[in-house]
Amino acid sequence: MFAAARNALYSRYTDNDWMASNMSNYLASNRVRGASERVRHDTVTMCHELDDKTKRTQVRRQLTLVRNQGRVQQLTGRIGLSIGPAYVRPVSCWTAFIVIQ
């Protein structure tokens, strides 16, 4: 008989050994699961915070664009009044063409 086979006959694990091993594996698995749930929760929280920040930024930028559009319209009106027979045709909120008649 080989030495490894003979040692296997005499080095069997007891029920307590199996229970301790299983409990150790369970506790390690439980720690890893808890850590992964915390990471997932932190990731979801971070995504919500970034979404909220993006929405606030978009609203603020939209208000700025509307305010600037009003200023551009005022300026094009003033330019139209100061030119006289020409008129100013707004192309977009940022540009305007002055058309001389």
Protein backbone atom coordinates (compact mmCIF):
# COMPACT_ATOMS: atom_id res chain seq x y z
CA MET A 1 0.00 0.00 0.00
CA PHE A 2 1.21 3.51 -0.85
CA ALA A 3 2.15 5.89 1.93
CA ALA A 4 -0.43 8.51 0.87
CA ALA A 5 -3.24 5.98 0.89
CA ARG A 6 -2.17 4.64 4.27
CA ASN A 7 -2.06 8.19 5.73
CA ALA A 8 -5.53 8.90 4.35
CA LEU A 9 -6.91 5.99 6.35
CA TYR A 10 -5.64 7.40 9.62
CA SER A 11 -6.12 11.15 9.07
CA ARG A 12 -9.86 11.35 8.59
CA TYR A 13 -11.65 14.45 9.76
CA THR A 14 -13.99 14.32 12.73
CA ASP A 15 -17.45 15.89 12.80
CA ASN A 16 -16.06 18.78 14.85
CA ASP A 17 -13.37 19.40 12.23
CA TRP A 18 -15.99 19.55 9.46
CA MET A 19 -18.22 21.82 11.54
CA ALA A 20 -15.35 24.21 12.33
CA SER A 21 -14.31 24.31 8.68
CA ASN A 22 -17.85 24.94 7.48
CA MET A 23 -18.39 27.63 10.09
CA SER A 24 -15.14 29.34 9.12
CA ASN A 25 -16.12 29.28 5.44
CA TYR A 26 -19.60 30.58 6.25
CA LEU A 27 -18.28 33.48 8.32
CA ALA A 28 -15.75 34.45 5.63
CA SER A 29 -18.48 34.30 2.99
CA ASN A 30 -20.78 36.39 5.17
CA ARG A 31 -18.09 39.09 5.59
CA VAL A 32 -17.51 39.26 1.84
CA ARG A 33 -21.26 39.43 1.14
CA GLY A 34 -21.68 42.26 3.65
CA ALA A 35 -18.82 44.19 2.11
CA SER A 36 -20.24 43.77 -1.39
CA GLU A 37 -23.67 44.98 -0.25
CA ARG A 38 -22.06 48.08 1.28
CA VAL A 39 -20.20 48.77 -1.96
CA ARG A 40 -23.42 48.36 -3.96
CA HIS A 41 -25.31 50.68 -1.60
CA ASP A 42 -22.54 53.30 -1.77
CA THR A 43 -22.56 53.08 -5.58
CA VAL A 44 -26.32 53.60 -5.76
CA THR A 45 -26.07 56.55 -3.37
CA MET A 46 -23.29 58.10 -5.44
CA CYS A 47 -25.32 57.68 -8.66
CA HIS A 48 -28.32 59.40 -7.06
CA GLU A 49 -26.15 62.27 -5.84
CA LEU A 50 -24.61 62.73 -9.29
CA ASP A 51 -28.05 62.66 -10.95
CA ASP A 52 -29.30 65.34 -8.55
CA LYS A 53 -26.22 67.47 -9.15
CA THR A 54 -26.63 67.11 -12.92
CA LYS A 55 -30.29 68.16 -12.75
CA ARG A 56 -29.44 71.21 -10.64
CA THR A 57 -26.67 72.19 -13.05
CA GLN A 58 -28.92 71.79 -16.08
CA VAL A 59 -31.64 73.96 -14.52
CA ARG A 60 -29.09 76.63 -13.63
CA ARG A 61 -27.62 76.60 -17.16
CA GLN A 62 -31.09 76.77 -18.70
CA LEU A 63 -31.92 79.84 -16.62
CA THR A 64 -28.64 81.43 -17.71
CA LEU A 65 -29.40 80.73 -21.37
CA VAL A 66 -32.89 82.22 -21.09
CA ARG A 67 -31.48 85.32 -19.38
CA ASN A 68 -28.81 85.70 -22.06
CA GLN A 69 -31.36 85.18 -24.83
CA GLY A 70 -33.36 88.10 -23.42
CA ARG A 71 -30.22 90.26 -23.40
CA VAL A 72 -29.44 89.34 -27.01
CA GLN A 73 -32.96 90.28 -28.06
CA GLN A 74 -32.63 93.63 -26.27
CA LEU A 75 -29.31 94.30 -27.98
CA THR A 76 -30.62 93.37 -31.42
CA GLY A 77 -33.56 95.71 -30.85
CA ARG A 78 -31.23 98.56 -29.87
CA ILE A 79 -29.00 97.89 -32.87
CA GLY A 80 -32.05 97.90 -35.12
CA LEU A 81 -33.18 101.24 -33.74
CA SER A 82 -29.73 102.82 -34.09
CA ILE A 83 -29.17 101.65 -37.68
CA GLY A 84 -32.33 103.18 -39.07
CA PRO A 85 -33.64 101.77 -42.34
CA ALA A 86 -31.92 98.41 -41.76
CA TYR A 87 -33.46 95.72 -39.66
CA VAL A 88 -31.96 93.04 -37.52
CA ARG A 89 -33.13 89.48 -38.09
CA PRO A 90 -32.22 87.16 -35.18
CA VAL A 91 -30.86 83.85 -36.43
CA SER A 92 -30.43 82.18 -33.06
CA CYS A 93 -30.14 83.29 -29.49
CA TRP A 94 -26.44 84.09 -30.05
CA THR A 95 -26.26 85.61 -33.52
CA ALA A 96 -28.19 88.14 -35.58
CA PHE A 97 -27.90 89.28 -39.19
CA ILE A 98 -28.13 92.95 -40.00
CA VAL A 99 -29.85 93.35 -43.33
CA ILE A 100 -29.47 96.70 -45.07
CA GLN A 101 -32.46 97.65 -47.22
